[in-house]
Amino acid sequence: MARARIDRRHRWKLAVLLAVPTLAALPWLVVTAEAAPAVEPAASSGFSHADAALVLGARVYADGSPSPYLRDRVAVGVRLYRDGIVDTLLMSGDGDDSSGHGEPTVMRALAEEMGVPADAIVEDPQGLDTYSSCARAHDAYGMTSVIVATQQFHVARAVWLCDRVGMDAQGAYPPPTATTHTLYGHAREVPAVAKAMLDLARGRTPAG
């Protein structure tokens, strides 16, 4: 009987412990479900034509070389361009990043090395975060449709945001890599999605 009384007394604590992570994950679940129909592996043949591949920035090393994530994102955009699915690559990232080289500049150089002509590449040095990249693609660069090129853990949020700012958005991602950074990326998306919803709700002004 004593154990039963203790269980009843602490039942509400257990309910709270279960409810808090569920509520915290709810925005992520909603965004992931809504974006899912528009998201495909980069190797898929199911993409519709779009104005541009919106290639999102990632880390550049001090020597100017792209991180593996950034290289993979650019490769996805280049593939979409070569396949005739997009007309332009919009390289959106931090033009004044800690490397001193500028993410979009490094992205452009890499795409040109992969065979994309210079006049098919546009740089947005004010794509400081996903929200700004999506908003600026629409507002500053006049894109009405994009295929976002980024990692699998990030692509649902990016597609969802681009859709919400007024573009027909799809998402393409490279083969996932089993690394600690990838696991961290998945975990980070839960609070990042909640922040994205707040940015939209308060009409946050994008960078630039």
Protein backbone atom coordinates (compact mmCIF):
# COMPACT_ATOMS: atom_id res chain seq x y z
CA MET A 1 0.00 0.00 0.00
CA ALA A 2 2.82 2.41 0.89
CA ARG A 3 4.42 1.91 -2.52
CA ALA A 4 1.07 2.48 -4.25
CA ARG A 5 0.65 5.77 -2.35
CA ILE A 6 4.12 6.91 -3.36
CA ASP A 7 3.39 6.07 -6.98
CA ARG A 8 0.20 8.10 -6.94
CA ARG A 9 1.87 11.02 -5.20
CA HIS A 10 4.59 11.22 -7.82
CA ARG A 11 2.47 10.42 -10.82
CA TRP A 12 2.20 14.08 -11.80
CA LYS A 13 5.99 14.38 -11.79
CA LEU A 14 6.23 11.49 -14.21
CA ALA A 15 3.57 13.11 -16.41
CA VAL A 16 5.56 16.35 -16.49
CA LEU A 17 8.78 14.51 -17.31
CA LEU A 18 7.05 12.87 -20.25
CA ALA A 19 5.15 15.96 -21.39
CA VAL A 20 8.06 18.42 -21.49
CA PRO A 21 10.18 16.64 -24.15
CA THR A 22 7.05 15.82 -26.13
CA LEU A 23 5.97 19.46 -26.23
CA ALA A 24 9.51 20.59 -27.01
CA ALA A 25 9.67 18.22 -29.98
CA LEU A 26 6.20 19.06 -31.30
CA PRO A 27 7.28 21.97 -33.58
CA TRP A 28 10.00 19.75 -35.07
CA LEU A 29 7.50 16.95 -35.68
CA VAL A 30 5.07 19.36 -37.40
CA VAL A 31 7.73 20.93 -39.63
CA THR A 32 9.26 17.59 -40.56
CA ALA A 33 5.86 16.15 -41.50
CA GLU A 34 4.84 19.20 -43.54
CA ALA A 35 8.13 19.37 -45.46
CA ALA A 36 8.48 15.63 -46.05
CA PRO A 37 6.63 15.48 -49.42
CA ALA A 38 9.01 18.10 -50.88
CA VAL A 39 12.27 16.56 -49.64
CA GLU A 40 14.30 14.00 -51.61
CA PRO A 41 17.86 12.63 -51.70
CA ALA A 42 19.95 14.54 -54.25
CA ALA A 43 20.11 11.42 -56.43
CA SER A 44 16.33 11.37 -56.82
CA SER A 45 14.74 11.96 -60.20
CA GLY A 46 11.58 13.40 -58.70
CA PHE A 47 12.48 17.10 -58.54
CA SER A 48 10.46 19.72 -60.41
CA HIS A 49 12.23 22.55 -62.21
CA ALA A 50 13.02 25.55 -59.99
CA ASP A 51 14.52 29.00 -60.45
CA ALA A 52 17.56 28.20 -58.34
CA ALA A 53 19.31 25.80 -56.05
CA LEU A 54 19.57 27.65 -52.76
CA VAL A 55 22.88 26.33 -51.44
CA LEU A 56 23.18 27.11 -47.74
CA GLY A 57 26.50 28.07 -46.22
CA ALA A 58 28.54 26.04 -43.74
CA ARG A 59 31.98 26.18 -42.20
CA VAL A 60 35.03 27.29 -44.16
CA TYR A 61 38.43 26.45 -42.68
CA ALA A 62 41.12 29.06 -42.03
CA ASP A 63 43.03 28.01 -45.15
CA GLY A 64 39.96 28.71 -47.30
CA SER A 65 39.00 25.11 -47.89
CA PRO A 66 35.33 24.08 -47.52
CA SER A 67 34.23 21.77 -44.73
CA PRO A 68 32.80 18.39 -45.80
CA TYR A 69 29.26 19.65 -45.15
CA LEU A 70 29.81 22.69 -47.37
CA ARG A 71 31.44 20.66 -50.12
CA ASP A 72 28.50 18.24 -50.10
CA ARG A 73 25.97 21.08 -50.28
CA VAL A 74 27.71 22.67 -53.24
CA ALA A 75 27.95 19.29 -54.98
CA VAL A 76 24.18 18.87 -54.60
CA GLY A 77 23.57 22.27 -56.17
CA VAL A 78 25.98 21.52 -59.01
CA ARG A 79 24.22 18.24 -59.70
CA LEU A 80 20.85 19.99 -59.92
CA TYR A 81 22.33 22.54 -62.34
CA ARG A 82 23.96 19.90 -64.53
CA ASP A 83 20.70 17.98 -64.70
CA GLY A 84 18.89 21.10 -65.91
CA ILE A 85 16.59 21.17 -62.89
CA VAL A 86 17.70 24.67 -61.81
CA ASP A 87 18.92 27.64 -63.83
CA THR A 88 20.99 29.31 -61.12
CA LEU A 89 22.98 28.50 -58.01
CA LEU A 90 22.30 30.98 -55.21
CA MET A 91 25.19 30.65 -52.76
CA SER A 92 23.84 31.97 -49.49
CA GLY A 93 26.10 32.29 -46.47
CA ASP A 94 28.17 34.55 -44.27
CA GLY A 95 30.33 36.78 -46.41
CA ASP A 96 32.31 37.90 -43.36
CA ASP A 97 32.77 34.56 -41.63
CA SER A 98 35.49 33.71 -39.12
CA SER A 99 37.71 32.14 -41.80
CA GLY A 100 38.15 35.51 -43.48
CA HIS A 101 37.40 34.01 -46.90
CA GLY A 102 33.60 34.36 -47.01
CA GLU A 103 31.36 31.34 -47.39
CA PRO A 104 29.66 32.40 -50.68
CA THR A 105 33.03 33.19 -52.30
CA VAL A 106 34.39 29.77 -51.40
CA MET A 107 31.15 28.16 -52.57
CA ARG A 108 31.35 29.95 -55.92
CA ALA A 109 34.95 28.89 -56.47
CA LEU A 110 34.10 25.29 -55.67
CA ALA A 111 31.11 25.26 -58.04
CA GLU A 112 33.22 26.77 -60.81
CA GLU A 113 35.84 24.07 -60.24
CA MET A 114 33.01 21.55 -60.70
CA GLY A 115 32.15 23.06 -64.08
CA VAL A 116 29.38 25.57 -63.40
CA PRO A 117 29.78 28.78 -65.46
CA ALA A 118 30.38 31.94 -63.45
CA ASP A 119 27.28 33.67 -64.81
CA ALA A 120 25.05 30.90 -63.42
CA ILE A 121 26.18 31.60 -59.85
CA VAL A 122 24.84 34.33 -57.56
CA GLU A 123 26.34 35.12 -54.15
CA ASP A 124 24.33 36.28 -51.14
CA PRO A 125 26.83 37.31 -48.44
CA GLN A 126 24.00 38.17 -46.03
CA GLY A 127 22.65 34.64 -45.68
CA LEU A 128 23.68 34.57 -42.04
CA ASP A 129 21.13 31.98 -41.02
CA THR A 130 18.48 29.80 -42.63
CA TYR A 131 15.69 32.30 -42.07
CA SER A 132 17.67 35.11 -43.70
CA SER A 133 18.76 32.90 -46.61
CA CYS A 134 15.17 31.98 -47.42
CA ALA A 135 13.73 35.47 -46.95
CA ARG A 136 16.47 37.10 -49.02
CA ALA A 137 16.20 34.53 -51.81
CA HIS A 138 12.61 35.69 -52.25
CA ASP A 139 12.79 39.38 -51.33
CA ALA A 140 16.27 40.41 -52.50
CA TYR A 141 16.82 38.02 -55.41
CA GLY A 142 13.28 37.55 -56.69
CA MET A 143 13.21 33.76 -56.54
CA THR A 144 9.77 32.20 -56.72
CA SER A 145 10.93 28.59 -56.56
CA VAL A 146 14.02 26.97 -55.07
CA ILE A 147 15.51 23.61 -54.28
CA VAL A 148 17.37 23.94 -50.99
CA ALA A 149 20.69 22.09 -50.89
CA THR A 150 21.71 21.11 -47.38
CA GLN A 151 22.12 18.11 -45.07
CA GLN A 152 19.24 15.78 -44.31
CA PHE A 153 18.90 16.89 -40.69
CA HIS A 154 18.57 20.53 -41.78
CA VAL A 155 16.56 20.30 -44.96
CA ALA A 156 13.03 20.08 -43.52
CA ARG A 157 13.39 23.35 -41.59
CA ALA A 158 14.94 25.09 -44.58
CA VAL A 159 12.21 23.94 -46.97
CA TRP A 160 9.49 24.85 -44.48
CA LEU A 161 10.91 28.35 -44.02
CA CYS A 162 11.35 28.96 -47.74
CA ASP A 163 7.78 27.86 -48.33
CA ARG A 164 6.49 30.18 -45.62
CA VAL A 165 8.23 33.25 -47.05
CA GLY A 166 6.49 32.76 -50.40
CA MET A 167 8.49 30.35 -52.54
CA ASP A 168 7.69 26.97 -54.00
CA ALA A 169 10.35 25.04 -52.09
CA GLN A 170 11.85 21.60 -52.47
CA GLY A 171 14.81 20.10 -50.63
CA ALA A 172 17.74 17.98 -51.80
CA TYR A 173 20.28 16.40 -49.47
CA PRO A 174 23.52 14.43 -49.96
CA PRO A 175 24.03 10.95 -48.55
CA PRO A 176 24.07 11.27 -44.73
CA THR A 177 27.36 10.76 -42.90
CA ALA A 178 27.55 8.94 -39.57
CA THR A 179 29.57 11.44 -37.54
CA THR A 180 29.28 13.18 -34.20
CA HIS A 181 28.53 16.43 -36.02
CA THR A 182 25.61 14.78 -37.79
CA LEU A 183 24.17 13.52 -34.51
CA TYR A 184 24.56 17.00 -33.05
CA GLY A 185 22.86 18.45 -36.11
CA HIS A 186 19.81 16.26 -35.59
CA ALA A 187 19.59 17.23 -31.91
CA ARG A 188 20.06 20.92 -32.66
CA GLU A 189 17.11 20.95 -35.04
CA VAL A 190 14.58 20.62 -32.21
CA PRO A 191 15.28 24.08 -30.71
CA ALA A 192 16.18 25.50 -34.14
CA VAL A 193 12.74 24.68 -35.52
CA ALA A 194 11.06 26.30 -32.52
CA LYS A 195 13.13 29.45 -33.12
CA ALA A 196 12.20 29.41 -36.82
CA MET A 197 8.52 29.41 -35.89
CA LEU A 198 9.09 32.36 -33.54
CA ASP A 199 11.00 34.28 -36.23
CA LEU A 200 8.07 33.90 -38.58
CA ALA A 201 5.46 34.70 -35.94
CA ARG A 202 7.13 37.98 -34.98
CA GLY A 203 8.03 38.89 -38.56
CA ARG A 204 11.74 39.12 -37.85
CA THR A 205 13.69 41.28 -40.28
CA PRO A 206 16.26 39.08 -42.05
CA ALA A 207 19.95 39.96 -42.17
CA GLY A 208 20.95 42.49 -44.78
